[in-house]
């Protein structure tokens, strides 16, 4: 994507959001007493457990996530704007977003 194209989210912002969610999920698993059994630890080298390894995202995955979030928000605004215009409003209200959200989530 060129710098002249539509503005998008910064990869650092998306990385920070992902990291926040990963940390909250790990804390939730620990609180609920669930062990980390997701990808067999037997494949990991000696002395390294999945619990001790930081979760990270590939640079290309972050760029793709930025673009997906941008498209999702743009589509939400366009759909909510259409509903607002149909009702004769000049501003998008939270109720407009609430009305378009179920179908938007199904489309994505």
C-alpha atoms as a PDB file:
ATOM      1  CA  UNK A   1       0.000   0.000   0.000  1.00  0.00           C
ATOM      2  CA  UNK A   2       1.407   3.403  -1.003  1.00  0.00           C
ATOM      3  CA  UNK A   3       1.452   6.389   1.310  1.00  0.00           C
ATOM      4  CA  UNK A   4      -0.885   8.194  -1.122  1.00  0.00           C
ATOM      5  CA  UNK A   5      -3.696   5.693  -0.631  1.00  0.00           C
ATOM      6  CA  UNK A   6      -6.372   5.693   2.058  1.00  0.00           C
ATOM      7  CA  UNK A   7      -5.103   6.202   5.596  1.00  0.00           C
ATOM      8  CA  UNK A   8      -4.859   3.068   7.664  1.00  0.00           C
ATOM      9  CA  UNK A   9      -4.095   2.080  11.232  1.00  0.00           C
ATOM     10  CA  UNK A  10      -0.533   1.952  12.475  1.00  0.00           C
ATOM     11  CA  UNK A  11       0.806  -1.593  12.875  1.00  0.00           C
ATOM     12  CA  UNK A  12       2.110  -0.624  16.343  1.00  0.00           C
ATOM     13  CA  UNK A  13      -1.447   0.194  17.430  1.00  0.00           C
ATOM     14  CA  UNK A  14      -2.778  -3.149  16.192  1.00  0.00           C
ATOM     15  CA  UNK A  15       0.181  -4.943  17.813  1.00  0.00           C
ATOM     16  CA  UNK A  16      -0.593  -3.207  21.122  1.00  0.00           C
ATOM     17  CA  UNK A  17      -4.257  -4.217  20.890  1.00  0.00           C
ATOM     18  CA  UNK A  18      -3.333  -7.830  20.110  1.00  0.00           C
ATOM     19  CA  UNK A  19      -0.781  -7.894  22.943  1.00  0.00           C
ATOM     20  CA  UNK A  20      -3.354  -6.540  25.382  1.00  0.00           C
ATOM     21  CA  UNK A  21      -5.827  -9.274  24.392  1.00  0.00           C
ATOM     22  CA  UNK A  22      -3.162 -12.009  24.587  1.00  0.00           C
ATOM     23  CA  UNK A  23      -2.170 -10.903  28.088  1.00  0.00           C
ATOM     24  CA  UNK A  24      -5.799 -10.766  29.274  1.00  0.00           C
ATOM     25  CA  UNK A  25      -6.494 -14.249  27.849  1.00  0.00           C
ATOM     26  CA  UNK A  26      -3.381 -15.686  29.521  1.00  0.00           C
ATOM     27  CA  UNK A  27      -4.382 -14.148  32.855  1.00  0.00           C
ATOM     28  CA  UNK A  28      -7.906 -15.498  32.448  1.00  0.00           C
ATOM     29  CA  UNK A  29      -6.576 -19.006  31.759  1.00  0.00           C
ATOM     30  CA  UNK A  30      -4.342 -18.820  34.839  1.00  0.00           C
ATOM     31  CA  UNK A  31      -7.212 -17.571  37.011  1.00  0.00           C
ATOM     32  CA  UNK A  32      -9.469 -20.393  35.834  1.00  0.00           C
ATOM     33  CA  UNK A  33      -6.735 -22.949  36.459  1.00  0.00           C
ATOM     34  CA  UNK A  34      -6.457 -24.087  32.848  1.00  0.00           C
ATOM     35  CA  UNK A  35      -2.993 -25.300  31.895  1.00  0.00           C
ATOM     36  CA  UNK A  36      -1.438 -24.169  28.626  1.00  0.00           C
ATOM     37  CA  UNK A  37      -2.059 -27.269  26.552  1.00  0.00           C
ATOM     38  CA  UNK A  38      -2.618 -25.638  23.179  1.00  0.00           C
ATOM     39  CA  UNK A  39       0.199 -26.760  20.810  1.00  0.00           C
ATOM     40  CA  UNK A  40       1.971 -29.735  22.317  1.00  0.00           C
ATOM     41  CA  UNK A  41       4.920 -28.716  24.437  1.00  0.00           C
ATOM     42  CA  UNK A  42       6.774 -31.828  23.283  1.00  0.00           C
ATOM     43  CA  UNK A  43       7.665 -30.004  20.051  1.00  0.00           C
ATOM     44  CA  UNK A  44       9.316 -27.150  21.947  1.00  0.00           C
ATOM     45  CA  UNK A  45      13.012 -27.262  22.779  1.00  0.00           C
ATOM     46  CA  UNK A  46      14.246 -28.336  26.211  1.00  0.00           C
ATOM     47  CA  UNK A  47      13.697 -25.790  28.969  1.00  0.00           C
ATOM     48  CA  UNK A  48      11.194 -23.726  26.995  1.00  0.00           C
ATOM     49  CA  UNK A  49       7.510 -23.916  27.750  1.00  0.00           C
ATOM     50  CA  UNK A  50       4.731 -22.267  25.822  1.00  0.00           C
ATOM     51  CA  UNK A  51       3.875 -20.285  28.949  1.00  0.00           C
ATOM     52  CA  UNK A  52       7.310 -18.636  28.956  1.00  0.00           C
ATOM     53  CA  UNK A  53       7.386 -17.788  25.246  1.00  0.00           C
ATOM     54  CA  UNK A  54       5.974 -14.387  24.270  1.00  0.00           C
ATOM     55  CA  UNK A  55       3.178 -14.337  21.719  1.00  0.00           C
ATOM     56  CA  UNK A  56       4.024 -12.248  18.679  1.00  0.00           C
ATOM     57  CA  UNK A  57       2.629 -11.426  15.251  1.00  0.00           C
ATOM     58  CA  UNK A  58       4.355 -11.435  11.895  1.00  0.00           C
ATOM     59  CA  UNK A  59       4.853  -7.989  10.293  1.00  0.00           C
ATOM     60  CA  UNK A  60       2.798  -8.970   7.257  1.00  0.00           C
ATOM     61  CA  UNK A  61      -0.003 -10.273   9.498  1.00  0.00           C
ATOM     62  CA  UNK A  62      -0.066  -6.912  11.297  1.00  0.00           C
ATOM     63  CA  UNK A  63      -0.265  -5.005   8.005  1.00  0.00           C
ATOM     64  CA  UNK A  64      -3.090  -7.250   6.848  1.00  0.00           C
ATOM     65  CA  UNK A  65      -4.891  -6.789  10.178  1.00  0.00           C
ATOM     66  CA  UNK A  66      -4.566  -2.996   9.819  1.00  0.00           C
ATOM     67  CA  UNK A  67      -6.148  -3.149   6.395  1.00  0.00           C
ATOM     68  CA  UNK A  68      -8.945  -5.436   7.577  1.00  0.00           C
ATOM     69  CA  UNK A  69      -9.800  -3.098  10.476  1.00  0.00           C
ATOM     70  CA  UNK A  70      -9.752  -0.111   8.105  1.00  0.00           C
ATOM     71  CA  UNK A  71     -12.112  -1.808   5.655  1.00  0.00           C
ATOM     72  CA  UNK A  72     -14.401  -2.988   8.455  1.00  0.00           C
ATOM     73  CA  UNK A  73     -14.735   0.506   9.952  1.00  0.00           C
ATOM     74  CA  UNK A  74     -15.163   2.153   6.548  1.00  0.00           C
ATOM     75  CA  UNK A  75     -17.943  -0.289   5.674  1.00  0.00           C
ATOM     76  CA  UNK A  76     -19.637   0.250   9.056  1.00  0.00           C
ATOM     77  CA  UNK A  77     -19.620   4.028   8.557  1.00  0.00           C
ATOM     78  CA  UNK A  78     -20.971   3.744   5.006  1.00  0.00           C
ATOM     79  CA  UNK A  79     -23.790   1.407   6.028  1.00  0.00           C
ATOM     80  CA  UNK A  80     -24.703   3.485   9.081  1.00  0.00           C
ATOM     81  CA  UNK A  81     -24.640   6.628   6.917  1.00  0.00           C
ATOM     82  CA  UNK A  82     -27.090   5.038   4.498  1.00  0.00           C
ATOM     83  CA  UNK A  83     -29.475   4.262   7.369  1.00  0.00           C
ATOM     84  CA  UNK A  84     -29.076   7.795   8.747  1.00  0.00           C
ATOM     85  CA  UNK A  85     -29.852   9.341   5.344  1.00  0.00           C
ATOM     86  CA  UNK A  86     -32.924   7.122   4.943  1.00  0.00           C
ATOM     87  CA  UNK A  87     -34.190   8.463   8.276  1.00  0.00           C
ATOM     88  CA  UNK A  88     -33.455  12.052   7.254  1.00  0.00           C
ATOM     89  CA  UNK A  89     -30.629  12.511   9.744  1.00  0.00           C
ATOM     90  CA  UNK A  90     -27.395  14.338   8.960  1.00  0.00           C
ATOM     91  CA  UNK A  91     -25.441  12.577  11.708  1.00  0.00           C
ATOM     92  CA  UNK A  92     -24.735   8.921  12.393  1.00  0.00           C
ATOM     93  CA  UNK A  93     -26.161   7.972  15.770  1.00  0.00           C
ATOM     94  CA  UNK A  94     -25.264   4.914  17.860  1.00  0.00           C
ATOM     95  CA  UNK A  95     -28.647   3.407  16.967  1.00  0.00           C
ATOM     96  CA  UNK A  96     -27.671   3.458  13.281  1.00  0.00           C
ATOM     97  CA  UNK A  97     -24.550   1.444  14.080  1.00  0.00           C
ATOM     98  CA  UNK A  98     -26.584  -0.948  16.232  1.00  0.00           C
ATOM     99  CA  UNK A  99     -28.921  -1.588  13.322  1.00  0.00           C
ATOM    100  CA  UNK A 100     -26.202  -2.400  10.789  1.00  0.00           C
ATOM    101  CA  UNK A 101     -23.880  -4.327  13.108  1.00  0.00           C
ATOM    102  CA  UNK A 102     -25.510  -7.815  12.931  1.00  0.00           C
ATOM    103  CA  UNK A 103     -25.395  -7.978   9.125  1.00  0.00           C
ATOM    104  CA  UNK A 104     -21.943  -6.373   8.998  1.00  0.00           C
ATOM    105  CA  UNK A 105     -20.547  -9.035  11.330  1.00  0.00           C
ATOM    106  CA  UNK A 106     -22.112 -11.773   9.218  1.00  0.00           C
ATOM    107  CA  UNK A 107     -20.610 -10.255   6.049  1.00  0.00           C
ATOM    108  CA  UNK A 108     -17.124 -10.223   7.547  1.00  0.00           C
END
